[in-house]
Amino acid sequence: MENKIATLKSKNVYFSEEVSTLDAFIEKNNYSKVVVLGDTNTIELCLPYLNLFSTYTANADIIEIDAGEGSKNIDICIGIWNMMLDYEMDRKSLLINLGGGMVSDIGAFAASTYMRGIDFINIPSTLLAMVDASHGGKNGIDVNDFKNIIGCFQPAKAVFIFPSLLNSLNEEEQLFGFAEIIKHGLIADEKHFEDTVAYLLAADQSNLAEIIIDSILIKLNIVAIDPLDKKERKILNYGHSIGHAIESYFLSLEKPIHHGLAVLTGIIIENKIAVSQGVLAAETANSIESIIKNNFQLPKFPANAITTILEFLMHDKKNIEDQIHLSLISKIGEGKIEQVCDIATVNTAIEQYLV
């Protein structure tokens, strides 16, 4: 595992329990000011842990926003920019995003646009953010319940992963983070998928660190090939086109669901589409669906919600000329990008999911 940790470090991802690595990084870059952005949960539960070991976070100015996807909007972003101005942040300042995917998304977007861009680093506090949201440079906010519809590409100056921060999560929140780990295995590495399933079923769960590291490496390797999401990187969208539409539906009801559960639901439905198009064997799709349903309590919605979900799907960023473009899998460990399907096929797949 030491070689894998060294590989991560070469990509500016620091996996360690040593918070001193954070201070060393800040000192090396000689920042004029350090500001920490977090939500109500991470400021209360995670920042005190960092402050025990980091002089810089202990003395940093704080920007605190409400927890939850509902904060990832332009009004909150304007509030963040105003606080950055109040703290007199200049172009040599550093913003530390401490939190899950919502915090890293909006924080990175705010930093990337403030004064045409200042440095930011991500310190993920959730499993989902550790393996996915903190990496790859996709930053953004939601508008009118459309997920990540406004944003930019700008990678973090570094990502610091302190596994002890996972202790701040309840068991359910940790479990939901496995959605992106499962996705990474399904699109790129059958063994990683098998290791993840074994972990979820096993009484001995001592290899979580290696599963996290392997999942990060899968994403980083894909992003390195296609950082601006023009072709190969699109495979990371597997489960997300339908998943985001379902997530947007629940956001429109002001009953947000966890992103991980939305992605897992999207994976099941998109697999049904892949089967109907002759891309994926039905036996494989059924096996994946069984594994997911046996480990996760997925969201339920009525049949009359399908119309709204399809409306959100038609506004997906990945669509081209009103054609629905999905990233699917042809088998476990092998993805296929730019698979075109029609709205009727998606409708049928969602209906099958609801049965």
Protein backbone atom coordinates (compact mmCIF):
# COMPACT_ATOMS: atom_id res chain seq x y z
CA MET A 1 0.00 0.00 0.00
CA GLU A 2 2.95 2.33 0.53
CA ASN A 3 3.56 2.43 -3.23
CA LYS A 4 -0.06 3.42 -3.83
CA ILE A 5 0.18 6.19 -1.22
CA ALA A 6 3.35 7.43 -2.94
CA THR A 7 1.51 7.42 -6.28
CA LEU A 8 -1.27 9.51 -4.78
CA LYS A 9 1.27 11.98 -3.39
CA SER A 10 2.78 12.38 -6.86
CA LYS A 11 -0.70 13.52 -7.93
CA ASN A 12 -0.97 16.00 -5.02
CA VAL A 13 -3.26 13.74 -3.00
CA TYR A 14 -2.00 13.21 0.54
CA PHE A 15 -3.40 10.15 2.31
CA SER A 16 -2.25 10.21 5.90
CA GLU A 17 -3.24 10.59 9.54
CA GLU A 18 -0.49 13.21 9.90
CA VAL A 19 -2.20 16.62 9.83
CA SER A 20 1.29 18.12 9.87
CA THR A 21 1.42 17.43 6.12
CA LEU A 22 -1.20 20.17 5.73
CA ASP A 23 0.86 22.77 7.57
CA ALA A 24 3.97 21.80 5.63
CA PHE A 25 2.09 22.34 2.37
CA ILE A 26 0.78 25.75 3.46
CA GLU A 27 4.22 26.89 4.63
CA LYS A 28 5.84 25.78 1.38
CA ASN A 29 3.39 27.87 -0.67
CA ASN A 30 3.69 30.95 1.56
CA TYR A 31 0.01 31.95 1.45
CA SER A 32 -0.95 35.44 2.59
CA LYS A 33 -4.13 34.26 4.30
CA VAL A 34 -5.87 30.96 5.03
CA VAL A 35 -9.65 30.68 5.24
CA VAL A 36 -11.62 27.51 6.02
CA LEU A 37 -15.00 26.91 4.37
CA GLY A 38 -17.19 24.26 5.97
CA ASP A 39 -20.79 23.45 6.70
CA THR A 40 -22.50 23.41 10.09
CA ASN A 41 -21.54 19.75 10.58
CA THR A 42 -17.89 19.90 9.59
CA ILE A 43 -17.16 23.12 11.45
CA GLU A 44 -18.52 21.49 14.61
CA LEU A 45 -17.26 17.92 14.18
CA CYS A 46 -14.18 18.01 11.95
CA LEU A 47 -12.47 21.38 12.36
CA PRO A 48 -11.69 20.83 16.08
CA TYR A 49 -9.78 17.67 15.13
CA LEU A 50 -7.66 19.56 12.58
CA ASN A 51 -7.10 22.40 15.05
CA LEU A 52 -5.48 19.98 17.49
CA PHE A 53 -2.59 19.50 15.04
CA SER A 54 -2.67 22.43 12.60
CA THR A 55 -1.60 25.93 13.52
CA TYR A 56 -3.01 27.25 10.26
CA THR A 57 -6.56 25.95 10.62
CA ALA A 58 -6.60 26.90 14.30
CA ASN A 59 -5.87 30.51 13.35
CA ALA A 60 -7.85 30.64 10.10
CA ASP A 61 -10.90 32.76 9.43
CA ILE A 62 -14.05 30.64 9.06
CA ILE A 63 -16.86 30.66 6.50
CA GLU A 64 -19.74 28.46 7.64
CA ILE A 65 -22.73 27.50 5.48
CA ASP A 66 -25.74 25.30 6.22
CA ALA A 67 -25.26 21.59 5.61
CA GLY A 68 -27.09 19.91 2.73
CA GLU A 69 -27.46 20.15 -1.04
CA GLY A 70 -29.87 23.06 -0.60
CA SER A 71 -26.87 25.31 0.12
CA LYS A 72 -25.24 24.67 -3.25
CA ASN A 73 -26.77 27.64 -5.03
CA ILE A 74 -25.84 31.08 -6.31
CA ASP A 75 -27.17 32.95 -3.26
CA ILE A 76 -24.92 31.00 -0.89
CA CYS A 77 -22.04 31.40 -3.34
CA ILE A 78 -22.49 35.18 -3.32
CA GLY A 79 -22.41 35.02 0.46
CA ILE A 80 -19.11 33.13 0.30
CA TRP A 81 -17.63 35.72 -2.08
CA ASN A 82 -18.76 38.51 0.25
CA MET A 83 -17.08 36.80 3.21
CA MET A 84 -13.90 36.36 1.15
CA LEU A 85 -13.97 40.10 0.51
CA ASP A 86 -14.64 40.83 4.18
CA TYR A 87 -11.62 38.72 5.13
CA GLU A 88 -9.56 40.66 2.56
CA MET A 89 -8.48 37.56 0.70
CA ASP A 90 -6.13 38.37 -2.16
CA ARG A 91 -4.78 36.30 -5.04
CA LYS A 92 -2.17 34.72 -2.76
CA SER A 93 -4.79 33.50 -0.29
CA LEU A 94 -5.84 29.89 0.22
CA LEU A 95 -9.37 28.53 0.68
CA ILE A 96 -9.62 25.19 2.49
CA ASN A 97 -12.83 23.31 1.66
CA LEU A 98 -13.60 21.09 4.64
CA GLY A 99 -16.57 18.85 4.02
CA GLY A 100 -18.37 16.51 1.68
CA GLY A 101 -19.23 16.89 -1.98
CA MET A 102 -21.46 19.93 -1.52
CA VAL A 103 -18.72 21.91 0.24
CA SER A 104 -16.00 20.95 -2.24
CA ASP A 105 -18.28 21.74 -5.20
CA ILE A 106 -19.34 25.21 -4.14
CA GLY A 107 -16.06 26.05 -2.40
CA ALA A 108 -13.99 25.16 -5.43
CA PHE A 109 -16.35 27.14 -7.67
CA ALA A 110 -16.17 30.18 -5.40
CA ALA A 111 -12.35 30.03 -5.23
CA SER A 112 -11.99 29.41 -8.97
CA THR A 113 -13.95 32.56 -9.81
CA TYR A 114 -12.88 34.89 -6.98
CA MET A 115 -10.36 37.38 -8.43
CA ARG A 116 -10.30 35.11 -11.50
CA GLY A 117 -9.06 32.27 -9.37
CA ILE A 118 -7.21 31.63 -6.13
CA ASP A 119 -5.75 28.40 -4.77
CA PHE A 120 -7.97 26.01 -2.89
CA ILE A 121 -7.47 22.62 -1.31
CA ASN A 122 -10.03 19.99 -0.43
CA ILE A 123 -10.15 18.13 2.86
CA PRO A 124 -13.00 15.65 2.38
CA SER A 125 -14.92 14.64 5.48
CA THR A 126 -17.15 11.96 3.93
CA LEU A 127 -16.30 8.68 2.26
CA LEU A 128 -18.03 9.76 -0.93
CA ALA A 129 -15.98 12.95 -1.09
CA MET A 130 -12.75 11.12 -0.26
CA VAL A 131 -13.08 8.77 -3.24
CA ASP A 132 -14.81 11.02 -5.75
CA ALA A 133 -16.05 14.57 -5.22
CA SER A 134 -12.74 16.05 -4.04
CA HIS A 135 -10.85 14.92 -7.14
CA GLY A 136 -10.96 15.83 -10.80
CA GLY A 137 -11.59 19.57 -10.81
CA LYS A 138 -15.31 19.59 -11.58
CA ASN A 139 -16.78 22.45 -9.57
CA GLY A 140 -20.20 24.02 -9.56
CA ILE A 141 -23.58 24.92 -8.14
CA ASP A 142 -27.20 23.94 -8.73
CA VAL A 143 -29.78 26.23 -10.34
CA ASN A 144 -33.54 25.65 -10.11
CA ASP A 145 -32.89 22.11 -8.80
CA PHE A 146 -30.74 21.24 -11.83
CA LYS A 147 -27.60 19.58 -10.47
CA ASN A 148 -24.23 21.20 -11.17
CA ILE A 149 -25.62 23.13 -14.14
CA ILE A 150 -23.26 26.10 -13.56
CA GLY A 151 -19.57 25.43 -12.95
CA CYS A 152 -16.04 25.21 -14.20
CA PHE A 153 -13.03 22.92 -14.43
CA GLN A 154 -10.30 23.78 -11.94
CA PRO A 155 -8.41 21.16 -9.94
CA ALA A 156 -7.60 21.62 -6.29
CA LYS A 157 -4.03 22.60 -5.50
CA ALA A 158 -4.00 19.49 -3.30
CA VAL A 159 -6.34 17.06 -1.59
CA PHE A 160 -5.68 15.94 1.98
CA ILE A 161 -7.37 12.75 3.13
CA PHE A 162 -7.36 12.16 6.86
CA PRO A 163 -9.23 8.86 7.42
CA SER A 164 -9.93 9.76 11.06
CA LEU A 165 -12.46 12.33 9.83
CA LEU A 166 -14.72 9.42 8.89
CA ASN A 167 -15.31 9.00 12.62
CA SER A 168 -17.51 12.09 12.43
CA LEU A 169 -20.01 10.20 10.25
CA ASN A 170 -22.87 8.01 11.38
CA GLU A 171 -22.99 4.46 10.01
CA GLU A 172 -25.59 5.30 7.37
CA GLU A 173 -23.60 8.24 5.97
CA GLN A 174 -20.49 6.09 5.70
CA LEU A 175 -22.42 3.35 3.92
CA PHE A 176 -23.81 5.73 1.30
CA GLY A 177 -20.27 6.72 0.36
CA PHE A 178 -19.75 3.28 -1.12
CA ALA A 179 -21.92 4.28 -4.10
CA GLU A 180 -19.03 5.91 -5.94
CA ILE A 181 -16.65 3.09 -4.92
CA ILE A 182 -19.07 0.58 -6.43
CA LYS A 183 -19.31 2.73 -9.56
CA HIS A 184 -15.54 2.87 -9.98
CA GLY A 185 -15.31 -0.91 -9.82
CA LEU A 186 -18.16 -1.44 -12.28
CA ILE A 187 -16.69 0.89 -14.90
CA ALA A 188 -13.01 0.05 -14.63
CA ASP A 189 -11.91 -2.75 -12.30
CA GLU A 190 -13.79 -5.99 -11.62
CA LYS A 191 -11.50 -6.92 -8.72
CA HIS A 192 -12.12 -3.57 -7.05
CA PHE A 193 -15.86 -4.20 -7.34
CA GLU A 194 -15.47 -7.68 -5.87
CA ASP A 195 -13.30 -6.35 -3.02
CA THR A 196 -15.92 -3.70 -2.25
CA VAL A 197 -18.78 -6.21 -2.20
CA ALA A 198 -16.71 -8.48 0.04
CA TYR A 199 -16.07 -5.56 2.39
CA LEU A 200 -19.78 -4.76 2.61
CA LEU A 201 -20.56 -8.37 3.48
CA ALA A 202 -17.61 -9.13 5.73
CA ALA A 203 -17.35 -9.02 9.47
CA ASP A 204 -13.67 -8.02 9.12
CA GLN A 205 -13.51 -4.60 7.53
CA SER A 206 -9.87 -3.80 8.11
CA ASN A 207 -9.02 -3.01 4.49
CA LEU A 208 -11.10 0.15 4.09
CA ALA A 209 -8.00 2.33 3.59
CA GLU A 210 -6.86 0.27 0.62
CA ILE A 211 -10.34 0.28 -0.91
CA ILE A 212 -10.42 4.09 -0.62
CA ILE A 213 -6.97 4.42 -2.19
CA ASP A 214 -7.78 2.05 -5.07
CA SER A 215 -11.01 3.94 -5.78
CA ILE A 216 -9.21 7.30 -5.85
CA LEU A 217 -6.57 5.92 -8.23
CA ILE A 218 -9.25 4.67 -10.62
CA LYS A 219 -10.80 8.13 -10.82
CA LEU A 220 -7.47 9.97 -11.07
CA ASN A 221 -6.25 7.70 -13.87
CA ILE A 222 -9.41 8.34 -15.88
CA VAL A 223 -9.29 12.10 -15.27
CA ALA A 224 -5.62 12.24 -16.30
CA ILE A 225 -6.54 10.92 -19.76
CA ASP A 226 -9.36 13.40 -20.27
CA PRO A 227 -9.35 16.24 -17.70
CA LEU A 228 -11.98 18.36 -19.48
CA ASP A 229 -14.60 15.61 -19.87
CA LYS A 230 -14.48 15.49 -23.68
CA LYS A 231 -14.43 11.72 -24.14
CA GLU A 232 -12.93 9.03 -21.87
CA ARG A 233 -13.83 10.79 -18.62
CA LYS A 234 -17.50 10.55 -19.51
CA ILE A 235 -17.47 6.99 -18.21
CA LEU A 236 -17.45 8.48 -14.69
CA ASN A 237 -21.00 9.66 -15.43
CA TYR A 238 -22.26 6.07 -15.23
CA GLY A 239 -25.29 6.05 -12.95
CA HIS A 240 -25.30 9.83 -12.78
CA SER A 241 -27.54 10.90 -15.68
CA ILE A 242 -30.57 9.09 -14.27
CA GLY A 243 -29.26 9.52 -10.72
CA HIS A 244 -29.02 13.29 -11.00
CA ALA A 245 -32.52 13.48 -12.51
CA ILE A 246 -33.91 11.51 -9.56
CA GLU A 247 -31.92 13.65 -7.13
CA SER A 248 -33.30 16.80 -8.80
CA TYR A 249 -36.85 15.45 -8.49
CA PHE A 250 -36.46 15.06 -4.73
CA LEU A 251 -34.78 18.47 -4.48
CA SER A 252 -37.80 20.01 -6.21
CA LEU A 253 -39.96 18.51 -3.45
CA GLU A 254 -37.59 19.96 -0.84
CA LYS A 255 -36.99 16.38 0.30
CA PRO A 256 -33.35 15.88 -0.74
CA ILE A 257 -31.90 12.37 -0.84
CA HIS A 258 -28.27 11.39 -0.46
CA HIS A 259 -26.26 11.64 -3.69
CA GLY A 260 -24.96 8.11 -3.19
CA LEU A 261 -28.46 6.63 -3.11
CA ALA A 262 -29.39 8.56 -6.23
CA VAL A 263 -26.33 7.19 -8.05
CA LEU A 264 -27.06 3.61 -6.99
CA THR A 265 -30.64 3.98 -8.23
CA GLY A 266 -29.26 5.43 -11.47
CA ILE A 267 -26.92 2.46 -11.87
CA ILE A 268 -29.81 -0.02 -11.62
CA ILE A 269 -31.99 1.89 -14.09
CA GLU A 270 -29.15 2.54 -16.55
CA ASN A 271 -28.26 -1.16 -16.42
CA LYS A 272 -31.84 -1.96 -17.45
CA ILE A 273 -31.37 0.40 -20.41
CA ALA A 274 -28.09 -1.33 -21.28
CA VAL A 275 -29.86 -4.71 -21.26
CA SER A 276 -32.66 -3.43 -23.48
CA GLN A 277 -30.08 -2.14 -25.98
CA GLY A 278 -28.11 -5.37 -26.03
CA VAL A 279 -25.08 -3.81 -24.32
CA LEU A 280 -25.20 -5.72 -21.02
CA ALA A 281 -26.25 -9.26 -20.14
CA ALA A 282 -29.47 -9.42 -18.12
CA GLU A 283 -27.85 -11.84 -15.68
CA THR A 284 -25.11 -9.30 -14.87
CA ALA A 285 -27.63 -6.48 -14.44
CA ASN A 286 -29.76 -8.61 -12.12
CA SER A 287 -26.73 -9.60 -10.06
CA ILE A 288 -25.65 -5.96 -9.60
CA GLU A 289 -29.21 -4.93 -8.73
CA SER A 290 -29.44 -7.69 -6.13
CA ILE A 291 -26.14 -6.66 -4.51
CA ILE A 292 -27.19 -3.02 -4.32
CA LYS A 293 -30.67 -3.70 -2.97
CA ASN A 294 -29.34 -6.12 -0.38
CA ASN A 295 -27.01 -3.47 1.03
CA PHE A 296 -28.88 -0.18 0.56
CA GLN A 297 -32.37 1.15 1.20
CA LEU A 298 -33.05 2.92 -2.09
CA PRO A 299 -35.43 5.88 -2.50
CA LYS A 300 -39.03 5.25 -3.50
CA PHE A 301 -41.11 7.49 -5.71
CA PRO A 302 -44.53 7.15 -7.36
CA ALA A 303 -45.07 6.32 -11.04
CA ASN A 304 -46.43 9.81 -11.68
CA ALA A 305 -42.98 11.18 -10.79
CA ILE A 306 -41.50 9.69 -13.96
CA THR A 307 -42.60 12.63 -16.12
CA THR A 308 -40.79 15.11 -13.87
CA ILE A 309 -37.69 12.91 -13.71
CA LEU A 310 -37.60 12.69 -17.51
CA GLU A 311 -37.90 16.48 -17.75
CA PHE A 312 -34.83 16.86 -15.53
CA LEU A 313 -33.02 14.20 -17.59
CA MET A 314 -33.65 16.10 -20.84
CA HIS A 315 -31.68 19.05 -19.36
CA ASP A 316 -28.68 16.87 -18.53
CA LYS A 317 -25.40 18.52 -19.56
CA LYS A 318 -24.27 15.41 -21.41
CA ASN A 319 -27.17 15.39 -23.87
CA ILE A 320 -26.46 16.46 -27.45
CA GLU A 321 -29.11 17.94 -29.75
CA ASP A 322 -31.95 16.61 -27.60
CA GLN A 323 -30.50 13.09 -27.70
CA ILE A 324 -29.96 11.34 -24.37
CA HIS A 325 -26.32 10.27 -24.04
CA LEU A 326 -25.53 7.77 -21.31
CA SER A 327 -22.41 6.07 -20.03
CA LEU A 328 -23.16 2.39 -19.53
CA ILE A 329 -21.26 -0.82 -18.80
CA SER A 330 -20.94 -3.84 -21.10
CA LYS A 331 -19.71 -6.05 -18.26
CA ILE A 332 -18.34 -5.57 -14.75
CA GLY A 333 -15.13 -3.60 -15.10
CA GLU A 334 -15.77 -2.29 -18.61
CA GLY A 335 -17.62 0.90 -19.49
CA LYS A 336 -19.01 2.29 -22.73
CA ILE A 337 -19.45 6.02 -23.28
CA GLU A 338 -21.82 8.02 -25.49
CA GLN A 339 -24.58 5.43 -25.66
CA VAL A 340 -27.61 7.10 -27.24
CA CYS A 341 -31.13 6.16 -26.21
CA ASP A 342 -34.62 7.62 -26.57
CA ILE A 343 -36.97 8.86 -23.90
CA ALA A 344 -39.32 5.88 -24.28
CA THR A 345 -36.49 3.47 -23.41
CA VAL A 346 -35.67 5.43 -20.27
CA ASN A 347 -39.35 5.59 -19.32
CA THR A 348 -39.65 1.81 -19.61
CA ALA A 349 -36.51 1.24 -17.55
CA ILE A 350 -37.78 3.46 -14.72
CA GLU A 351 -41.14 1.67 -14.81
CA GLN A 352 -39.31 -1.65 -14.50
CA TYR A 353 -37.38 -0.31 -11.51
CA LEU A 354 -40.62 0.65 -9.77
CA VAL A 355 -42.20 -2.80 -10.19
